[in-house]
Protein backbone atom coordinates (compact mmCIF):
# COMPACT_ATOMS: atom_id res chain seq x y z
CA MET A 1 0.00 0.00 0.00
CA LYS A 2 1.35 3.39 -0.98
CA ARG A 3 1.67 5.73 1.98
CA LEU A 4 0.41 9.29 1.68
CA HIS A 5 3.01 11.84 2.75
CA LEU A 6 0.98 14.99 3.16
CA ASP A 7 2.65 18.31 2.35
CA SER A 8 1.61 21.79 1.24
CA SER A 9 1.85 20.89 -2.46
CA ILE A 10 -0.74 18.11 -2.10
CA ILE A 11 -3.03 20.34 -0.05
CA CYS A 12 -2.84 23.04 -2.74
CA ARG A 13 -3.66 20.47 -5.45
CA LEU A 14 -6.71 19.25 -3.55
CA ASP A 15 -7.92 22.80 -2.92
CA ALA A 16 -7.40 23.68 -6.59
CA ALA A 17 -9.39 20.64 -7.71
CA GLU A 18 -12.29 21.53 -5.42
CA HIS A 19 -12.26 25.12 -6.62
CA ALA A 20 -12.25 23.97 -10.25
CA PHE A 21 -15.42 21.98 -9.55
CA PHE A 22 -17.39 24.82 -7.96
CA GLY A 23 -15.96 27.27 -10.48
CA GLY A 24 -17.37 25.09 -13.26
CA ILE A 25 -20.82 25.14 -11.65
CA ALA A 26 -20.63 28.93 -11.22
CA ARG A 27 -19.67 29.50 -14.85
CA ALA A 28 -22.42 27.16 -16.06
CA THR A 29 -24.94 29.04 -13.93
CA ASN A 30 -23.77 32.38 -15.30
CA GLN A 31 -24.05 31.05 -18.84
CA ILE A 32 -27.67 30.03 -18.27
CA ALA A 33 -28.47 33.35 -16.59
CA GLY A 34 -26.72 35.47 -19.18
CA SER A 35 -25.07 37.44 -16.36
CA ASP A 36 -22.74 36.95 -13.40
CA VAL A 37 -25.19 35.70 -10.77
CA CYS A 38 -22.34 33.66 -9.29
CA SER A 39 -18.87 35.06 -8.65
CA VAL A 40 -15.54 33.22 -8.81
CA ILE A 41 -12.37 34.78 -7.41
CA GLU A 42 -8.86 33.36 -7.51
CA LYS A 43 -5.95 35.19 -5.92
CA ARG A 44 -2.56 34.19 -4.59
CA GLY A 45 -3.22 31.85 -1.69
CA PHE A 46 -7.02 31.95 -1.69
CA ARG A 47 -10.10 31.32 -3.82
CA ALA A 48 -13.76 32.23 -3.38
CA TYR A 49 -17.10 31.53 -5.01
CA PHE A 50 -20.54 32.59 -3.97
CA ALA A 51 -24.14 32.78 -5.12
CA PRO A 52 -25.85 35.56 -3.15
CA THR A 53 -29.35 34.07 -3.43
CA VAL A 54 -28.33 30.73 -1.88
CA SER A 55 -27.56 30.37 1.84
CA ASP A 56 -25.91 26.95 1.58
CA PRO A 57 -22.25 27.37 2.66
CA LEU A 58 -21.00 25.20 -0.21
CA PHE A 59 -21.98 28.00 -2.58
CA ASN A 60 -20.67 30.86 -0.46
CA ARG A 61 -17.14 30.11 0.64
CA MET A 62 -13.61 31.35 0.67
CA LEU A 63 -10.92 28.67 0.63
CA ILE A 64 -7.52 29.81 1.92
CA SER A 65 -4.78 27.34 0.97
CA THR A 66 -1.49 29.07 1.81
CA GLU A 67 -0.19 32.34 3.19
CA CYS A 68 -1.96 35.11 1.30
CA ASP A 69 -2.28 38.86 0.99
CA VAL A 70 -4.48 39.64 3.98
CA SER A 71 -5.51 43.01 2.54
CA GLU A 72 -6.90 41.23 -0.55
CA VAL A 73 -8.82 38.79 1.66
CA GLY A 74 -10.25 41.74 3.58
CA ALA A 75 -11.28 43.51 0.38
CA VAL A 76 -13.29 40.47 -0.76
CA LEU A 77 -14.92 40.07 2.66
CA ASP A 78 -15.85 43.75 2.80
CA GLY A 79 -16.99 43.83 -0.83
CA GLN A 80 -18.68 40.80 -2.40
CA PHE A 81 -19.17 38.98 0.91
CA GLY A 82 -20.40 42.07 2.74
CA GLU A 83 -22.48 41.61 5.88
CA ALA A 84 -24.06 38.28 4.96
CA GLN A 85 -23.19 35.02 6.69
CA ARG A 86 -20.36 33.43 4.75
CA HIS A 87 -17.90 30.65 5.46
CA ILE A 88 -14.13 30.62 5.25
CA GLU A 89 -12.17 27.37 5.17
CA ILE A 90 -8.48 27.55 6.03
CA SER A 91 -6.11 24.71 5.19
CA PRO A 92 -3.20 23.82 7.51
CA GLY A 93 -0.32 26.28 7.40
CA ALA A 94 -2.37 29.16 5.99
CA LEU A 95 -3.51 30.76 9.26
CA ASN A 96 -1.26 33.29 10.93
CA GLU A 97 -1.69 36.09 13.46
CA GLU A 98 -2.35 38.77 10.84
CA LEU A 99 -5.05 36.76 9.06
CA GLY A 100 -6.67 35.73 12.34
CA ALA A 101 -6.82 39.35 13.49
CA ALA A 102 -8.32 40.49 10.17
CA LEU A 103 -11.03 37.84 10.31
CA SER A 104 -11.84 38.51 13.97
CA ALA A 105 -12.10 42.24 13.29
CA ARG A 106 -14.81 41.50 10.73
CA GLY A 107 -16.87 39.38 13.10
CA TYR A 108 -15.59 35.94 12.06
CA ALA A 109 -14.73 33.19 14.52
CA GLN A 110 -13.61 29.60 14.15
CA THR A 111 -16.70 27.42 14.44
CA GLN A 112 -15.62 23.89 13.51
CA PHE A 113 -13.05 21.67 11.85
CA LEU A 114 -13.84 19.98 8.53
CA PRO A 115 -12.26 16.60 7.74
CA ILE A 116 -10.57 16.17 4.35
CA LEU A 117 -10.45 12.47 3.46
CA VAL A 118 -7.80 11.37 0.96
CA ASN A 119 -6.06 8.28 -0.36
CA TYR A 120 -4.08 7.20 -3.36
CA THR A 121 -6.42 5.66 -5.89
CA GLU A 122 -4.34 2.48 -6.04
CA ASN A 123 -4.95 1.95 -2.30
CA VAL A 124 -8.75 1.95 -2.70
CA SER A 125 -10.29 -1.33 -3.77
CA GLU A 126 -12.70 -1.57 -6.68
CA GLU A 127 -16.01 -3.24 -5.81
CA GLU A 128 -19.40 -3.47 -7.46
CA PRO A 129 -22.09 -1.18 -5.98
CA LYS A 130 -24.94 -3.01 -4.26
CA LEU A 131 -27.52 -1.00 -6.24
CA ASP A 132 -27.65 -0.30 -9.94
CA VAL A 133 -25.76 2.86 -10.79
CA LYS A 134 -26.13 4.70 -14.07
CA LEU A 135 -23.61 7.11 -15.54
CA LEU A 136 -25.63 9.82 -17.26
CA THR A 137 -25.17 9.97 -21.00
CA GLU A 138 -28.60 11.03 -22.24
CA GLN A 139 -30.24 14.45 -21.97
CA ASP A 140 -33.58 13.06 -20.77
CA GLU A 141 -31.92 11.47 -17.72
CA LEU A 142 -30.92 14.90 -16.46
CA SER A 143 -34.47 15.71 -15.37
CA THR A 144 -34.39 12.74 -12.99
CA PHE A 145 -30.93 13.71 -11.73
CA LYS A 146 -32.12 17.26 -11.10
CA LYS A 147 -35.20 16.12 -9.15
CA VAL A 148 -33.13 13.85 -6.90
CA LEU A 149 -30.48 16.52 -6.38
CA VAL A 150 -32.90 19.30 -5.48
CA ALA A 151 -34.94 16.99 -3.21
CA GLY A 152 -31.78 15.86 -1.40
CA TRP A 153 -30.26 19.31 -0.98
CA THR A 154 -30.90 21.20 2.23
CA ILE A 155 -31.36 24.45 0.29
CA PRO A 156 -34.89 25.84 0.77
CA PRO A 157 -36.70 25.79 -2.58
CA ALA A 158 -37.36 29.53 -2.37
CA GLU A 159 -33.59 30.18 -2.29
CA LEU A 160 -32.65 27.85 -5.12
CA SER A 161 -32.52 30.17 -8.06
CA GLU A 162 -33.99 28.89 -11.31
CA THR A 163 -30.70 29.55 -13.08
CA LEU A 164 -28.73 27.42 -10.62
CA ALA A 165 -31.18 24.53 -11.03
CA ALA A 166 -31.25 24.95 -14.80
CA SER A 167 -27.46 24.88 -14.95
CA VAL A 168 -27.55 21.16 -14.06
CA GLU A 169 -28.21 20.58 -17.76
CA GLU A 170 -24.80 22.09 -18.52
CA TRP A 171 -22.84 20.15 -15.90
CA MET A 172 -22.59 16.98 -17.98
CA LYS A 173 -20.81 19.00 -20.66
CA LEU A 174 -18.17 20.42 -18.29
CA PRO A 175 -14.62 19.00 -18.45
CA GLY A 176 -14.03 16.28 -15.87
CA PHE A 177 -17.66 16.07 -14.70
CA SER A 178 -19.40 12.68 -14.39
CA LEU A 179 -23.02 12.58 -13.16
CA VAL A 180 -24.34 9.34 -11.65
CA LEU A 181 -27.69 8.02 -10.41
CA ALA A 182 -28.30 5.13 -8.01
CA LEU A 183 -31.42 3.08 -8.76
CA GLU A 184 -33.43 0.71 -6.62
CA GLY A 185 -35.51 -1.02 -9.24
CA ASP A 186 -36.88 1.79 -11.38
CA GLU A 187 -36.65 4.39 -8.61
CA ALA A 188 -33.75 6.85 -8.51
CA VAL A 189 -32.74 7.09 -4.83
CA SER A 190 -29.43 9.00 -4.86
CA CYS A 191 -27.25 11.05 -7.17
CA GLY A 192 -23.72 12.37 -7.16
CA ILE A 193 -20.92 13.93 -9.17
CA LEU A 194 -17.34 12.86 -9.72
CA HIS A 195 -14.99 15.61 -10.84
CA CYS A 196 -11.51 14.80 -12.15
CA PHE A 197 -8.95 17.60 -12.36
CA ASP A 198 -5.15 17.45 -12.63
CA GLY A 199 -4.99 13.82 -11.51
CA ILE A 200 -7.33 14.44 -8.56
CA ALA A 201 -10.72 12.72 -8.31
CA PHE A 202 -13.10 14.75 -6.14
CA LEU A 203 -16.16 12.97 -4.74
CA ALA A 204 -18.17 16.15 -5.00
CA VAL A 205 -21.85 16.96 -4.57
CA SER A 206 -24.14 14.07 -3.70
CA ALA A 207 -27.73 13.96 -2.48
CA THR A 208 -30.37 11.54 -1.26
CA PRO A 209 -33.99 12.67 -0.73
CA PRO A 210 -35.15 12.19 2.89
CA GLN A 211 -37.66 9.48 1.97
CA CYS A 212 -34.93 7.44 0.23
CA ARG A 213 -32.32 7.50 2.98
CA GLY A 214 -31.16 4.28 4.60
CA ARG A 215 -31.55 2.28 1.37
CA GLY A 216 -27.89 2.16 0.34
CA GLY A 217 -28.09 4.80 -2.36
CA GLN A 218 -25.26 6.96 -1.03
CA SER A 219 -22.94 3.98 -0.60
CA ALA A 220 -23.67 2.87 -4.15
CA ILE A 221 -22.94 6.37 -5.50
CA ASP A 222 -19.66 6.53 -3.58
CA ARG A 223 -18.56 3.10 -4.76
CA ALA A 224 -19.40 3.87 -8.38
CA ARG A 225 -17.45 7.13 -8.23
CA VAL A 226 -14.40 5.38 -6.82
CA ASN A 227 -14.56 2.82 -9.63
CA ALA A 228 -14.85 5.62 -12.21
CA ALA A 229 -11.88 7.43 -10.66
CA LYS A 230 -9.77 4.29 -10.99
CA GLN A 231 -10.80 3.91 -14.62
CA ALA A 232 -9.83 7.55 -15.20
CA ASN A 233 -6.35 6.79 -13.79
CA ALA A 234 -6.65 9.49 -11.13
CA GLU A 235 -3.72 9.64 -8.75
CA LEU A 236 -5.66 10.69 -5.64
CA ILE A 237 -9.27 10.45 -4.50
CA PHE A 238 -10.59 12.92 -1.94
CA SER A 239 -13.75 14.23 -0.36
CA ARG A 240 -14.72 16.87 2.17
CA THR A 241 -17.33 16.29 4.84
CA TYR A 242 -18.47 17.29 8.31
CA PHE A 243 -16.84 15.87 11.43
CA ALA A 244 -18.34 12.60 12.72
CA SER A 245 -21.07 12.70 10.06
CA ILE A 246 -22.61 9.73 8.27
CA SER A 247 -20.83 10.98 5.16
CA GLN A 248 -17.46 10.74 6.91
CA ARG A 249 -18.24 7.18 7.98
CA ASN A 250 -19.24 6.24 4.43
CA LYS A 251 -16.05 7.70 2.96
CA GLU A 252 -13.91 5.83 5.49
CA LYS A 253 -15.65 2.59 4.52
CA LEU A 254 -14.52 3.24 0.95
CA GLY A 255 -10.90 3.40 2.08
CA LEU A 256 -10.42 7.15 2.34
CA ASN A 257 -8.67 8.45 5.46
CA VAL A 258 -8.84 11.75 7.28
CA ALA A 259 -5.58 13.36 6.12
CA TYR A 260 -6.09 16.76 7.73
CA MET A 261 -8.67 19.21 9.00
CA ARG A 262 -9.61 22.58 7.59
CA ALA A 263 -10.55 25.26 10.10
CA GLU A 264 -13.91 26.82 9.30
CA TRP A 265 -14.45 30.43 10.28
CA THR A 266 -18.01 31.75 10.14
CA LYS A 267 -19.49 35.19 10.47
CA LEU A 268 -22.13 34.97 13.15
CA PRO A 269 -24.48 37.78 14.23
CA GLY A 270 -23.72 37.22 17.91
CA ILE A 271 -20.00 37.90 17.59
CA PRO A 272 -19.06 41.49 18.53
CA ARG A 273 -17.30 43.46 15.83
CA PRO A 274 -14.37 45.51 17.20
CA ARG A 275 -12.97 48.58 15.50
CA LEU A 276 -10.65 47.93 12.54
């Protein structure tokens, strides 16, 4: 078994792959809308993407990978991020006293740690999913994928902009995107996306509607995505999740290991805002 020696270069590659995924979704959404309803920012040391109409933190985040220009971070937080609740994820080695002070001065505080699960693809075994899994290749299958995705998301329907939902039809065309559905008989019970970028396979967005949970759909989606990553000759497979969640347990069953934690800083209304 090949041992993973984690260093800053691997962390930066994983962060870049995740940003490429959400950047692709943002650009597809903007294409459908005909305007920049989603913003994507990439600067030295940090990246950000956000959709102002959606409260889900996955769509409103700044990801800080290495030491960065704190004044540029502050400009983004004071500008596009403004007063709304947004989330900042900081990879190991990127947080220093200056950055911490700048975030605290704007009302941000560390709220949790987020596990990043990683392994070399060759270390993860290939097994058949226990449910039927379909890789989407036809346009008419996208309507089913969209229904499962929206039903499984925690985003309130009123916040899910029509353009973001409509952009699902463009995702299958994006480089490195693979959309999959898990089926129990004729019923679609889970969906997910695999995104391959620069030798990195990201087990990205997945969803299971509440009424379909506990039926093995998520495990089948995860297993199918691992198999597809191996067939794509990806070097590394990774996923992000919440600490001690069912998702973390499922990813560990696949053979992914918690390699490190990101520190999440969140702007909360109850945190006093000192003078800058």
